Structure formats: structure tokens, C-alpha cells
Amino acid sequence: MTHGPVLLIVPAPIPDQVRARLAESARTAAPGIDLTVTDGADRAVARAEDAEVIAAYEVPASLAAHTRRLRWIHAFTAGVDQFMTVPGIADGGVTLTRTVGAHGAMPEHVMALILAFARRLHVSIRNQAAHRWDRGSAIGDEVAGRTLGVLGLGQIGQALASRAAAFGMRVIGTQRSPRPLPFVDRVFAPDRLLEVLHEADYVVVLLPLTAETRGLLGEPELRAMKPSAVLINVARGAIVQEPALLAALRQGWIAGAGLDALEQEPLPPEHPLYEMERAIITPHVAGVAPAYFDRVIAVFCENLRRYVEGAPLLHVVDVVRGY
């Protein structure tokens, strides 16, 4: 079987040494394959017509329009909503796989946000920046005995549950097909979302962005949360309706929000979220750590080896479900 080139679209912020490791590992996984590594879509377009495989964080429309032989796209991400409009994905003409197991830092990032809000570190940091010593505003709470609600008990959600349980937290959450899970006290079907929101002291969004989850959390859902509860979103910004979130923070429907995923990224400098004392914002880095890139490379190269050998690919996306 003759294979066209593998076209790797690696965004410019990725360190050069990571790009080099990716190319070296791909050539080892598929010796002799025609490989093009670029740092952006513009340079990739010249080879797009010959590309049989694209591995990327996203495939811009300008690149997708030039593909003719495309058979497989591998997403360097766990979420794949950004690939759903690529020609061939919806009708199954192009196989889409995703990266699973690379985001080991994400549960720790979530726990860091939970602990930051519990111990009011966001308040102390602002006090420090203002040269203000104020013990009253900085006294926090304990997380032991509090309830964590995980929206999306997949691989990352279950890893988070184990870490939360180690801190003595009670864990509940939603799963498309509920079943008993280690470290989770109760698993609810998605249609019982409001029950989870009503019980949880911390609500963590770990859902994929699909037609079903877009705008899932609006005013009724945020008002269903405890006024003392904190919302944490490390999935996709569009799952939370931003106007409702802004109102929730301004009017005290909830106590705070830890946001690693936002509807508009980068968040514009003039955005009101930057000024909100109840918010902690991180720039979509919850899953990223030094080992992250090695894991991304390993998952892709294993699938590349399978592709060349004609073996079944791992982590194939169900395009109807969107994950």
C-alpha cells in the first residue's frame, strides 16, 4: 500500500525541540514515509493536495480546502469539536482520532483551583499586589467533607475523582451511561444535571463540546448551584453561557469561577472577567506540562504505526456523539 505524506501542523508556540522530537518519532514509527513538518497552516497548504494524513491541533479551512487525498486526521487534543467541519469528517470519508491519556496535569490543575478558592489564595494574591495585609478577607475553608460535582466522568474526570477523594472530598458526577466508578459516590445520567449542581460545592466541567453540551450551563443551571459554590471549566468555553456567568459572578449566584477555557481565546484585554475578584483565569493550560508533549507524540506515533501497517486505529472519534 502506497502512502502519501504525513503532514504535521504544529502551531508556532510549540517549542522547536518538541517539533523535532515529533518528526523523529514519526519517522521511527513509519520508516520511509514522506513527512512534512510545518509550524503553521500557510506553509502546509503547498503540500495539502498530496496529504493522506494530517496530525494537528486544528485544520484551518484554508488548509482543508486544498486536501484531495485525505484519509485520516489525528487530533493532538482530547476535544475534537474544532475538527467537525473539515470535509469528509461528518460523512465518514475521513477517519478522526484523538489524543487520550496526555492530559495528566489536568486533574492537578483542577485541584489547584479548588484549593485556591477554598484557601482564598486569589484574595491573598490581590491583597499582596495591593500591599495590603488583611487576615479577615484571607481566612479560607477546608475541602475535606465538601462535595465535588464532575460533569463528565470520563478518563480525566475519574482521575480527578481519585485526587479529590484523597483530600477527603465526596465526589458525584454525570456520565452518559452511568455505572459505579472508583472514588465516586454517585453517578448520575446527564438529564439529572440539576441534582448534581444543587449538591456540589465545586462543579467541574469536563464535557466535550457537542450540539448537546453547547450552552449547557446558563442562568437556570447557575442559579441551581449553591451561592457558596465554585464553577471550574477546563473543557470548552462555549459550554457555559458567558452572559449568564458574568451575571452569576456580579450578582453572587455563585461564589467564584476558575476558568481555563473561555468562549473567546485569547481573552481580550478589555474583557470584564479580568477585573472580577471572584474569578481565577488561566490561559487554556490545564492539561499542559513538560510530559504532555511526549504523551501526545507517543499516542500519535502509535496510531501512525498502525495506519502504515493497516491495523485498527486507537481512539477513533464517533462523529455522531462528537467524541
Protein backbone atom coordinates (compact mmCIF):
# COMPACT_ATOMS: atom_id res chain seq x y z
CA MET A 1 0.00 0.00 0.00
CA THR A 2 1.44 3.36 -1.00
CA HIS A 3 1.06 6.21 1.45
CA GLY A 4 1.12 9.91 0.74
CA PRO A 5 2.94 12.30 3.03
CA VAL A 6 2.07 12.76 6.65
CA LEU A 7 1.52 16.44 7.16
CA LEU A 8 2.10 17.64 10.71
CA ILE A 9 0.68 21.05 11.54
CA VAL A 10 2.43 22.22 14.71
CA PRO A 11 1.44 25.68 15.96
CA ALA A 12 4.29 28.14 16.35
CA PRO A 13 4.13 28.27 20.20
CA ILE A 14 5.26 24.63 20.34
CA PRO A 15 8.98 24.60 21.18
CA ASP A 16 11.32 23.77 18.31
CA GLN A 17 12.75 20.79 20.20
CA VAL A 18 9.25 19.32 20.56
CA ARG A 19 8.65 19.74 16.84
CA ALA A 20 11.96 18.00 16.16
CA ARG A 21 11.08 15.12 18.52
CA LEU A 22 7.73 14.75 16.82
CA ALA A 23 9.34 14.46 13.39
CA GLU A 24 11.97 12.00 14.61
CA SER A 25 9.41 9.81 16.37
CA ALA A 26 7.09 9.81 13.34
CA ARG A 27 9.92 8.68 11.05
CA THR A 28 10.77 5.90 13.51
CA ALA A 29 7.14 4.76 13.67
CA ALA A 30 6.78 4.78 9.88
CA PRO A 31 10.22 4.44 8.22
CA GLY A 32 10.34 5.79 4.68
CA ILE A 33 7.09 7.69 4.86
CA ASP A 34 7.05 11.11 3.19
CA LEU A 35 6.88 13.51 6.10
CA THR A 36 6.35 17.26 6.18
CA VAL A 37 6.56 19.16 9.45
CA THR A 38 5.42 22.78 9.44
CA ASP A 39 4.87 25.49 12.02
CA GLY A 40 1.56 26.68 10.62
CA ALA A 41 -1.16 26.21 8.05
CA ASP A 42 0.15 28.69 5.47
CA ARG A 43 3.31 26.68 4.84
CA ALA A 44 1.31 23.45 4.82
CA VAL A 45 -1.07 24.41 2.03
CA ALA A 46 1.61 23.77 -0.61
CA ARG A 47 1.58 20.05 0.25
CA ALA A 48 -2.07 19.71 1.23
CA GLU A 49 -3.18 18.19 -2.07
CA ASP A 50 -0.88 15.21 -1.52
CA ALA A 51 -1.62 14.75 2.18
CA GLU A 52 -3.13 11.45 3.19
CA VAL A 53 -2.75 12.09 6.92
CA ILE A 54 -2.85 15.31 8.93
CA ALA A 55 -1.95 15.49 12.61
CA ALA A 56 -2.75 18.83 14.19
CA TYR A 57 -4.36 20.89 16.89
CA GLU A 58 -6.78 22.14 14.27
CA VAL A 59 -7.18 22.15 10.48
CA PRO A 60 -7.99 25.67 9.24
CA ALA A 61 -10.50 25.99 6.42
CA SER A 62 -7.75 27.43 4.18
CA LEU A 63 -5.86 24.14 4.52
CA ALA A 64 -8.85 21.80 4.43
CA ALA A 65 -10.00 23.32 1.13
CA HIS A 66 -6.83 22.05 -0.57
CA THR A 67 -6.96 18.42 0.59
CA ARG A 68 -7.77 15.81 -2.03
CA ARG A 69 -6.37 12.52 -0.74
CA LEU A 70 -7.01 12.97 2.96
CA ARG A 71 -7.96 9.76 4.76
CA TRP A 72 -7.10 10.28 8.40
CA ILE A 73 -6.82 13.22 10.81
CA HIS A 74 -5.25 12.79 14.22
CA ALA A 75 -6.14 15.45 16.78
CA PHE A 76 -3.37 16.38 19.19
CA THR A 77 -6.22 17.30 21.56
CA ALA A 78 -8.73 15.32 23.62
CA GLY A 79 -11.62 17.53 22.46
CA VAL A 80 -12.32 17.43 18.73
CA ASP A 81 -15.10 19.96 18.16
CA GLN A 82 -12.71 22.11 16.09
CA PHE A 83 -12.38 19.31 13.51
CA MET A 84 -16.06 18.59 12.87
CA THR A 85 -16.39 20.97 9.91
CA VAL A 86 -13.44 19.52 7.99
CA PRO A 87 -14.74 17.99 4.72
CA GLY A 88 -15.06 14.22 4.98
CA ILE A 89 -15.37 14.02 8.75
CA ALA A 90 -19.16 14.14 9.01
CA ASP A 91 -19.79 11.53 6.30
CA GLY A 92 -17.06 9.16 7.48
CA GLY A 93 -14.84 9.61 4.45
CA VAL A 94 -12.05 10.79 6.73
CA THR A 95 -11.28 8.96 9.98
CA LEU A 96 -10.77 11.18 13.02
CA THR A 97 -8.79 10.03 16.05
CA ARG A 98 -7.98 11.97 19.20
CA THR A 99 -5.31 12.08 21.87
CA VAL A 100 -6.21 10.18 25.03
CA GLY A 101 -4.07 10.00 28.15
CA ALA A 102 -1.86 13.04 27.56
CA HIS A 103 -3.56 15.47 29.92
CA GLY A 104 -2.16 14.13 33.18
CA ALA A 105 -1.77 17.63 34.60
CA MET A 106 -5.45 18.49 34.26
CA PRO A 107 -6.73 16.85 37.46
CA GLU A 108 -3.92 18.56 39.37
CA HIS A 109 -4.79 21.91 37.79
CA VAL A 110 -8.39 21.47 38.87
CA MET A 111 -7.35 20.57 42.41
CA ALA A 112 -5.10 23.64 42.45
CA LEU A 113 -8.09 25.83 41.57
CA ILE A 114 -10.28 24.12 44.17
CA LEU A 115 -7.66 24.63 46.86
CA ALA A 116 -7.01 28.20 45.75
CA PHE A 117 -10.67 29.09 46.18
CA ALA A 118 -11.03 27.13 49.43
CA ARG A 119 -7.99 28.82 50.98
CA ARG A 120 -8.84 32.15 49.30
CA LEU A 121 -5.46 32.40 47.63
CA HIS A 122 -6.98 34.56 44.89
CA VAL A 123 -7.84 37.10 47.59
CA SER A 124 -4.40 36.94 49.21
CA ILE A 125 -2.65 37.39 45.85
CA ARG A 126 -4.69 40.50 45.14
CA ASN A 127 -4.00 41.77 48.65
CA GLN A 128 -0.28 41.17 48.10
CA ALA A 129 -0.33 43.08 44.81
CA ALA A 130 -2.04 45.97 46.61
CA HIS A 131 0.45 45.84 49.53
CA ARG A 132 -2.48 45.13 51.84
CA TRP A 133 -2.36 42.93 54.99
CA ASP A 134 -5.91 41.70 55.63
CA ARG A 135 -6.31 38.47 57.58
CA GLY A 136 -10.09 38.74 57.68
CA SER A 137 -10.53 38.52 53.93
CA ALA A 138 -7.96 35.73 53.56
CA ILE A 139 -9.28 33.12 56.03
CA GLY A 140 -10.49 30.16 53.99
CA ASP A 141 -12.21 26.81 54.32
CA GLU A 142 -11.26 23.13 54.20
CA VAL A 143 -12.12 20.88 51.25
CA ALA A 144 -12.45 17.70 53.32
CA GLY A 145 -16.12 16.82 53.54
CA ARG A 146 -17.08 19.10 50.65
CA THR A 147 -18.81 17.74 47.55
CA LEU A 148 -17.18 17.81 44.13
CA GLY A 149 -19.53 17.58 41.15
CA VAL A 150 -17.83 16.38 37.96
CA LEU A 151 -19.70 16.99 34.72
CA GLY A 152 -18.20 14.30 32.51
CA LEU A 153 -16.78 11.30 34.36
CA GLY A 154 -14.51 10.15 31.56
CA GLN A 155 -10.84 9.31 31.89
CA ILE A 156 -9.85 12.75 33.19
CA GLY A 157 -12.92 13.01 35.41
CA GLN A 158 -12.18 9.67 37.04
CA ALA A 159 -8.55 10.67 37.63
CA LEU A 160 -9.81 13.86 39.24
CA ALA A 161 -12.16 11.85 41.46
CA SER A 162 -9.24 9.85 42.88
CA ARG A 163 -7.33 13.02 43.73
CA ALA A 164 -10.36 14.69 45.27
CA ALA A 165 -11.07 11.60 47.35
CA ALA A 166 -7.50 11.75 48.69
CA PHE A 167 -8.39 15.20 50.08
CA GLY A 168 -11.46 13.75 51.77
CA MET A 169 -13.96 15.14 49.29
CA ARG A 170 -17.21 13.45 48.39
CA VAL A 171 -17.46 13.02 44.62
CA ILE A 172 -20.58 12.92 42.46
CA GLY A 173 -20.96 13.49 38.74
CA THR A 174 -22.52 12.75 35.39
CA GLN A 175 -21.77 10.10 32.81
CA ARG A 176 -23.56 9.31 29.56
CA SER A 177 -24.02 5.66 30.61
CA PRO A 178 -23.92 5.73 34.41
CA ARG A 179 -22.10 2.91 36.18
CA PRO A 180 -20.32 2.53 39.52
CA LEU A 181 -16.87 4.13 39.49
CA PRO A 182 -13.96 4.07 41.96
CA PHE A 183 -13.81 7.12 44.25
CA VAL A 184 -17.23 8.34 43.04
CA ASP A 185 -20.13 8.26 45.50
CA ARG A 186 -22.95 8.73 42.99
CA VAL A 187 -23.07 8.72 39.19
CA PHE A 188 -25.98 10.48 37.52
CA ALA A 189 -27.27 10.43 33.96
CA PRO A 190 -26.87 13.74 32.08
CA ASP A 191 -30.59 14.51 32.43
CA ARG A 192 -30.09 14.75 36.22
CA LEU A 193 -27.63 17.62 35.86
CA LEU A 194 -29.57 19.94 38.17
CA GLU A 195 -29.30 17.44 41.03
CA VAL A 196 -25.51 17.49 40.72
CA LEU A 197 -25.44 21.29 40.54
CA HIS A 198 -27.66 21.59 43.60
CA GLU A 199 -25.49 19.29 45.75
CA ALA A 200 -21.97 20.27 44.73
CA ASP A 201 -19.70 22.75 46.45
CA TYR A 202 -17.36 22.69 43.44
CA VAL A 203 -18.63 21.97 39.91
CA VAL A 204 -16.05 20.97 37.31
CA VAL A 205 -16.86 20.96 33.59
CA LEU A 206 -15.04 18.16 31.75
CA LEU A 207 -17.50 17.61 28.91
CA PRO A 208 -16.74 17.60 25.20
CA LEU A 209 -18.25 20.43 23.19
CA THR A 210 -21.10 18.94 21.15
CA ALA A 211 -24.52 20.04 19.97
CA GLU A 212 -25.89 18.69 23.26
CA THR A 213 -23.42 20.49 25.54
CA ARG A 214 -23.07 23.85 23.78
CA GLY A 215 -24.57 26.44 26.12
CA LEU A 216 -25.46 23.69 28.61
CA LEU A 217 -24.86 25.91 31.64
CA GLY A 218 -26.99 29.04 31.52
CA GLU A 219 -28.92 31.09 34.06
CA PRO A 220 -31.20 28.28 35.33
CA GLU A 221 -28.22 25.97 35.85
CA LEU A 222 -26.02 28.57 37.54
CA ARG A 223 -28.88 29.62 39.79
CA ALA A 224 -29.31 25.95 40.75
CA MET A 225 -25.82 25.97 42.28
CA LYS A 226 -25.22 26.93 45.91
CA PRO A 227 -24.34 30.60 46.44
CA SER A 228 -21.18 29.28 48.15
CA ALA A 229 -20.25 27.02 45.22
CA VAL A 230 -17.46 27.47 42.68
CA LEU A 231 -17.65 26.64 38.96
CA ILE A 232 -14.49 25.37 37.27
CA ASN A 233 -14.34 25.00 33.48
CA VAL A 234 -11.34 23.22 31.95
CA ALA A 235 -13.20 21.87 28.92
CA ARG A 236 -14.60 24.32 26.36
CA GLY A 237 -15.75 27.88 26.99
CA ALA A 238 -18.89 27.57 24.87
CA ILE A 239 -20.38 25.01 27.28
CA VAL A 240 -21.02 27.88 29.72
CA GLN A 241 -23.16 30.79 28.54
CA GLU A 242 -20.90 33.77 29.16
CA PRO A 243 -23.60 36.42 29.83
CA ALA A 244 -25.11 34.14 32.50
CA LEU A 245 -21.66 33.50 34.01
CA LEU A 246 -20.92 37.22 34.21
CA ALA A 247 -24.26 37.81 35.91
CA ALA A 248 -23.62 34.91 38.31
CA LEU A 249 -20.31 36.43 39.39
CA ARG A 250 -21.59 40.01 39.61
CA GLN A 251 -24.78 39.15 41.48
CA GLY A 252 -23.41 36.40 43.71
CA TRP A 253 -25.38 33.44 42.39
CA ILE A 254 -22.10 31.55 42.87
CA ALA A 255 -19.01 32.26 44.94
CA GLY A 256 -16.45 32.05 42.15
CA ALA A 257 -15.29 30.65 38.83
CA GLY A 258 -12.00 29.05 37.82
CA LEU A 259 -11.78 29.38 34.05
CA ASP A 260 -9.16 27.70 31.90
CA ALA A 261 -11.49 27.51 28.89
CA LEU A 262 -13.27 30.60 27.57
CA GLU A 263 -15.58 31.23 24.66
CA GLN A 264 -13.13 33.74 23.17
CA GLU A 265 -9.44 32.83 23.27
CA PRO A 266 -7.19 34.70 23.73
CA LEU A 267 -9.41 36.64 26.12
CA PRO A 268 -9.29 40.33 25.04
CA PRO A 269 -7.52 42.70 27.46
CA GLU A 270 -10.70 44.71 27.94
CA HIS A 271 -12.82 41.69 28.92
CA PRO A 272 -14.68 42.19 32.23
CA LEU A 273 -13.63 38.80 33.58
CA TYR A 274 -10.13 40.14 34.17
CA GLU A 275 -11.50 42.61 36.73
CA MET A 276 -13.70 40.17 38.63
CA GLU A 277 -12.40 39.34 42.08
CA ARG A 278 -14.43 36.13 42.12
CA ALA A 279 -12.66 34.74 39.05
CA ILE A 280 -9.35 32.96 38.50
CA ILE A 281 -8.35 32.79 34.83
CA THR A 282 -5.67 30.57 33.31
CA PRO A 283 -4.90 30.65 29.55
CA HIS A 284 -6.08 27.16 28.49
CA VAL A 285 -3.10 25.37 30.02
CA ALA A 286 -4.81 23.00 32.47
CA GLY A 287 -3.60 19.87 30.69
CA VAL A 288 -0.14 21.07 29.73
CA ALA A 289 3.10 20.11 31.50
CA PRO A 290 6.54 19.05 30.19
CA ALA A 291 5.45 15.41 29.85
CA TYR A 292 2.33 16.41 27.93
CA PHE A 293 4.14 16.76 24.59
CA ASP A 294 5.86 13.39 24.96
CA ARG A 295 2.49 11.75 25.58
CA VAL A 296 0.93 13.50 22.57
CA ILE A 297 3.78 12.29 20.38
CA ALA A 298 3.52 8.73 21.72
CA VAL A 299 -0.23 8.48 21.06
CA PHE A 300 0.06 9.84 17.53
CA CYS A 301 3.06 7.69 16.60
CA GLU A 302 1.39 4.51 17.84
CA ASN A 303 -1.56 5.28 15.59
CA LEU A 304 0.79 6.18 12.72
CA ARG A 305 2.47 2.79 13.05
CA ARG A 306 -0.94 1.13 12.99
CA TYR A 307 -2.03 3.16 9.98
CA VAL A 308 1.01 2.15 7.93
CA GLU A 309 0.58 -1.49 8.91
CA GLY A 310 -3.14 -1.47 8.18
CA ALA A 311 -4.08 -2.19 11.80
CA PRO A 312 -7.13 -0.68 13.55
CA LEU A 313 -6.52 2.84 14.86
CA LEU A 314 -6.90 3.72 18.53
CA HIS A 315 -9.23 6.40 19.92
CA VAL A 316 -11.41 6.74 16.82
CA VAL A 317 -14.00 9.50 17.30
CA ASP A 318 -17.70 8.78 17.00
CA VAL A 319 -18.61 11.82 14.90
CA VAL A 320 -22.29 11.49 15.81
CA ARG A 321 -21.54 11.83 19.52
CA GLY A 322 -18.66 14.23 18.93
CA TYR A 323 -16.02 12.39 20.98
